[in-house]
Amino acid sequence: MSEKEIDEHFIALETKIAYLEEFTAELQEVVVEHTKTIDRLTAVNKALTEKIEDLMQNEEIPNRKPPHY
């Protein structure tokens, strides 16, 4: 390989690394955002589950037809 070919190859590798670093940073942002969303949804799910359990224990749910029947 000539010196020019080595330089071109080196530049191509540096370019690929730069794109990979940018992609990794963007991917990290997405992962952090998704983690926050999952944590928020988990908390909401837990609260709703507890509320449903409380309602089922404290109130008798009537077994009747809905008004649209």
N, C-alpha and C. Protein backbone atom coordinates (compact mmCIF):
# COMPACT_ATOMS: atom_id res chain seq x y z
N MET A 1 0.83 -1.18 0.00
CA MET A 1 0.00 0.00 0.00
C MET A 1 0.88 1.25 0.00
N SER A 2 0.45 2.18 -0.78
CA SER A 2 1.20 3.43 -0.82
C SER A 2 0.79 4.31 0.36
N GLU A 3 1.56 5.34 0.59
CA GLU A 3 1.27 6.25 1.69
C GLU A 3 -0.08 6.94 1.49
N LYS A 4 -0.40 7.26 0.24
CA LYS A 4 -1.68 7.90 -0.06
C LYS A 4 -2.84 6.96 0.26
N GLU A 5 -2.71 5.68 -0.10
CA GLU A 5 -3.76 4.70 0.19
C GLU A 5 -3.94 4.51 1.69
N ILE A 6 -2.82 4.50 2.41
CA ILE A 6 -2.88 4.36 3.86
C ILE A 6 -3.59 5.56 4.47
N ASP A 7 -3.26 6.76 3.99
CA ASP A 7 -3.92 7.98 4.48
C ASP A 7 -5.43 7.93 4.20
N GLU A 8 -5.80 7.52 3.00
CA GLU A 8 -7.22 7.44 2.64
C GLU A 8 -7.94 6.42 3.52
N HIS A 9 -7.29 5.30 3.74
CA HIS A 9 -7.87 4.26 4.59
C HIS A 9 -8.04 4.78 6.02
N PHE A 10 -7.02 5.47 6.51
CA PHE A 10 -7.06 6.03 7.86
C PHE A 10 -8.18 7.06 7.98
N ILE A 11 -8.34 7.91 6.99
CA ILE A 11 -9.41 8.91 7.00
C ILE A 11 -10.78 8.23 6.97
N ALA A 12 -10.91 7.18 6.18
CA ALA A 12 -12.18 6.45 6.13
C ALA A 12 -12.51 5.83 7.49
N LEU A 13 -11.49 5.28 8.15
CA LEU A 13 -11.72 4.71 9.49
C LEU A 13 -12.10 5.78 10.50
N GLU A 14 -11.43 6.93 10.44
CA GLU A 14 -11.77 8.03 11.36
C GLU A 14 -13.20 8.51 11.12
N THR A 15 -13.61 8.56 9.87
CA THR A 15 -14.97 8.97 9.54
C THR A 15 -15.98 7.99 10.10
N LYS A 16 -15.72 6.70 9.93
CA LYS A 16 -16.62 5.69 10.46
C LYS A 16 -16.71 5.79 11.98
N ILE A 17 -15.60 6.01 12.63
CA ILE A 17 -15.59 6.13 14.09
C ILE A 17 -16.39 7.34 14.53
N ALA A 18 -16.25 8.45 13.81
CA ALA A 18 -17.01 9.66 14.16
C ALA A 18 -18.51 9.40 14.04
N TYR A 19 -18.93 8.73 12.97
CA TYR A 19 -20.36 8.41 12.82
C TYR A 19 -20.84 7.46 13.91
N LEU A 20 -20.01 6.49 14.26
CA LEU A 20 -20.39 5.55 15.32
C LEU A 20 -20.50 6.25 16.67
N GLU A 21 -19.60 7.19 16.95
CA GLU A 21 -19.68 7.94 18.20
C GLU A 21 -20.96 8.77 18.25
N GLU A 22 -21.31 9.40 17.15
CA GLU A 22 -22.54 10.18 17.09
C GLU A 22 -23.76 9.28 17.27
N PHE A 23 -23.76 8.14 16.60
CA PHE A 23 -24.87 7.19 16.71
C PHE A 23 -25.00 6.69 18.14
N THR A 24 -23.89 6.40 18.78
CA THR A 24 -23.91 5.90 20.16
C THR A 24 -24.48 6.96 21.10
N ALA A 25 -24.12 8.21 20.91
CA ALA A 25 -24.65 9.29 21.75
C ALA A 25 -26.15 9.44 21.55
N GLU A 26 -26.61 9.37 20.31
CA GLU A 26 -28.05 9.46 20.05
C GLU A 26 -28.79 8.28 20.64
N LEU A 27 -28.23 7.11 20.51
CA LEU A 27 -28.84 5.90 21.06
C LEU A 27 -28.93 5.99 22.58
N GLN A 28 -27.89 6.52 23.21
CA GLN A 28 -27.90 6.69 24.66
C GLN A 28 -29.03 7.62 25.09
N GLU A 29 -29.25 8.70 24.35
CA GLU A 29 -30.34 9.62 24.67
C GLU A 29 -31.69 8.91 24.58
N VAL A 30 -31.86 8.09 23.56
CA VAL A 30 -33.12 7.35 23.39
C VAL A 30 -33.32 6.36 24.53
N VAL A 31 -32.26 5.69 24.92
CA VAL A 31 -32.35 4.72 26.02
C VAL A 31 -32.73 5.42 27.32
N VAL A 32 -32.12 6.56 27.59
CA VAL A 32 -32.45 7.31 28.80
C VAL A 32 -33.91 7.75 28.78
N GLU A 33 -34.36 8.27 27.65
CA GLU A 33 -35.76 8.70 27.51
C GLU A 33 -36.72 7.53 27.72
N HIS A 34 -36.41 6.39 27.12
CA HIS A 34 -37.28 5.22 27.27
C HIS A 34 -37.28 4.71 28.71
N THR A 35 -36.15 4.78 29.37
CA THR A 35 -36.08 4.35 30.76
C THR A 35 -36.96 5.23 31.64
N LYS A 36 -36.92 6.55 31.40
CA LYS A 36 -37.78 7.46 32.15
C LYS A 36 -39.26 7.15 31.89
N THR A 37 -39.60 6.90 30.63
CA THR A 37 -40.99 6.57 30.29
C THR A 37 -41.43 5.28 30.96
N ILE A 38 -40.58 4.28 30.92
CA ILE A 38 -40.91 2.99 31.55
C ILE A 38 -41.09 3.17 33.05
N ASP A 39 -40.21 3.93 33.68
CA ASP A 39 -40.34 4.17 35.13
C ASP A 39 -41.65 4.88 35.45
N ARG A 40 -42.00 5.88 34.64
CA ARG A 40 -43.25 6.62 34.86
C ARG A 40 -44.46 5.70 34.68
N LEU A 41 -44.45 4.91 33.61
CA LEU A 41 -45.57 4.00 33.35
C LEU A 41 -45.68 2.92 34.42
N THR A 42 -44.56 2.47 34.92
CA THR A 42 -44.57 1.47 35.99
C THR A 42 -45.20 2.05 37.25
N ALA A 43 -44.87 3.30 37.57
CA ALA A 43 -45.46 3.94 38.74
C ALA A 43 -46.97 4.12 38.57
N VAL A 44 -47.40 4.53 37.39
CA VAL A 44 -48.83 4.70 37.12
C VAL A 44 -49.54 3.35 37.21
N ASN A 45 -48.95 2.33 36.64
CA ASN A 45 -49.53 1.00 36.69
C ASN A 45 -49.68 0.51 38.13
N LYS A 46 -48.66 0.74 38.93
CA LYS A 46 -48.70 0.33 40.34
C LYS A 46 -49.81 1.07 41.07
N ALA A 47 -49.92 2.37 40.84
CA ALA A 47 -50.96 3.17 41.50
C ALA A 47 -52.34 2.70 41.09
N LEU A 48 -52.54 2.45 39.81
CA LEU A 48 -53.85 1.99 39.34
C LEU A 48 -54.18 0.60 39.88
N THR A 49 -53.21 -0.27 39.94
CA THR A 49 -53.42 -1.60 40.48
C THR A 49 -53.83 -1.53 41.95
N GLU A 50 -53.15 -0.68 42.71
CA GLU A 50 -53.51 -0.51 44.12
C GLU A 50 -54.91 0.06 44.27
N LYS A 51 -55.26 1.02 43.43
CA LYS A 51 -56.59 1.62 43.48
C LYS A 51 -57.67 0.58 43.17
N ILE A 52 -57.44 -0.24 42.17
CA ILE A 52 -58.40 -1.29 41.81
C ILE A 52 -58.53 -2.29 42.94
N GLU A 53 -57.41 -2.68 43.53
CA GLU A 53 -57.46 -3.62 44.66
C GLU A 53 -58.23 -3.03 45.83
N ASP A 54 -58.00 -1.75 46.12
CA ASP A 54 -58.74 -1.08 47.20
C ASP A 54 -60.23 -1.06 46.91
N LEU A 55 -60.60 -0.74 45.68
CA LEU A 55 -62.01 -0.69 45.31
C LEU A 55 -62.66 -2.07 45.41
N MET A 56 -61.92 -3.09 45.01
CA MET A 56 -62.48 -4.45 45.05
C MET A 56 -62.66 -4.92 46.50
N GLN A 57 -61.79 -4.49 47.39
CA GLN A 57 -61.89 -4.91 48.79
C GLN A 57 -62.91 -4.09 49.57
N ASN A 58 -63.01 -2.81 49.26
CA ASN A 58 -63.84 -1.91 50.06
C ASN A 58 -65.25 -1.73 49.54
N GLU A 59 -65.47 -1.98 48.29
CA GLU A 59 -66.80 -1.78 47.72
C GLU A 59 -67.23 -3.03 46.98
N GLU A 60 -68.50 -3.32 47.13
CA GLU A 60 -69.03 -4.43 46.36
C GLU A 60 -69.47 -3.89 45.01
N ILE A 61 -68.95 -4.49 43.98
CA ILE A 61 -69.27 -4.05 42.63
C ILE A 61 -70.60 -4.69 42.23
N PRO A 62 -71.59 -3.87 41.88
CA PRO A 62 -72.90 -4.44 41.52
C PRO A 62 -72.81 -5.25 40.23
N ASN A 63 -73.53 -6.35 40.23
CA ASN A 63 -73.57 -7.20 39.05
C ASN A 63 -74.86 -6.90 38.29
N ARG A 64 -74.84 -5.86 37.51
CA ARG A 64 -76.02 -5.47 36.77
C ARG A 64 -75.64 -5.11 35.34
N LYS A 65 -76.64 -5.04 34.50
CA LYS A 65 -76.39 -4.71 33.11
C LYS A 65 -76.07 -3.22 32.98
N PRO A 66 -75.19 -2.88 32.07
CA PRO A 66 -74.91 -1.48 31.82
C PRO A 66 -76.15 -0.77 31.29
N PRO A 67 -76.24 0.55 31.43
CA PRO A 67 -77.44 1.28 31.02
C PRO A 67 -77.74 1.20 29.54
N HIS A 68 -76.82 0.86 28.71
CA HIS A 68 -77.10 0.82 27.28
C HIS A 68 -77.81 -0.45 26.82
N TYR A 69 -78.07 -1.39 27.72
CA TYR A 69 -78.81 -2.59 27.35
C TYR A 69 -80.29 -2.39 27.42
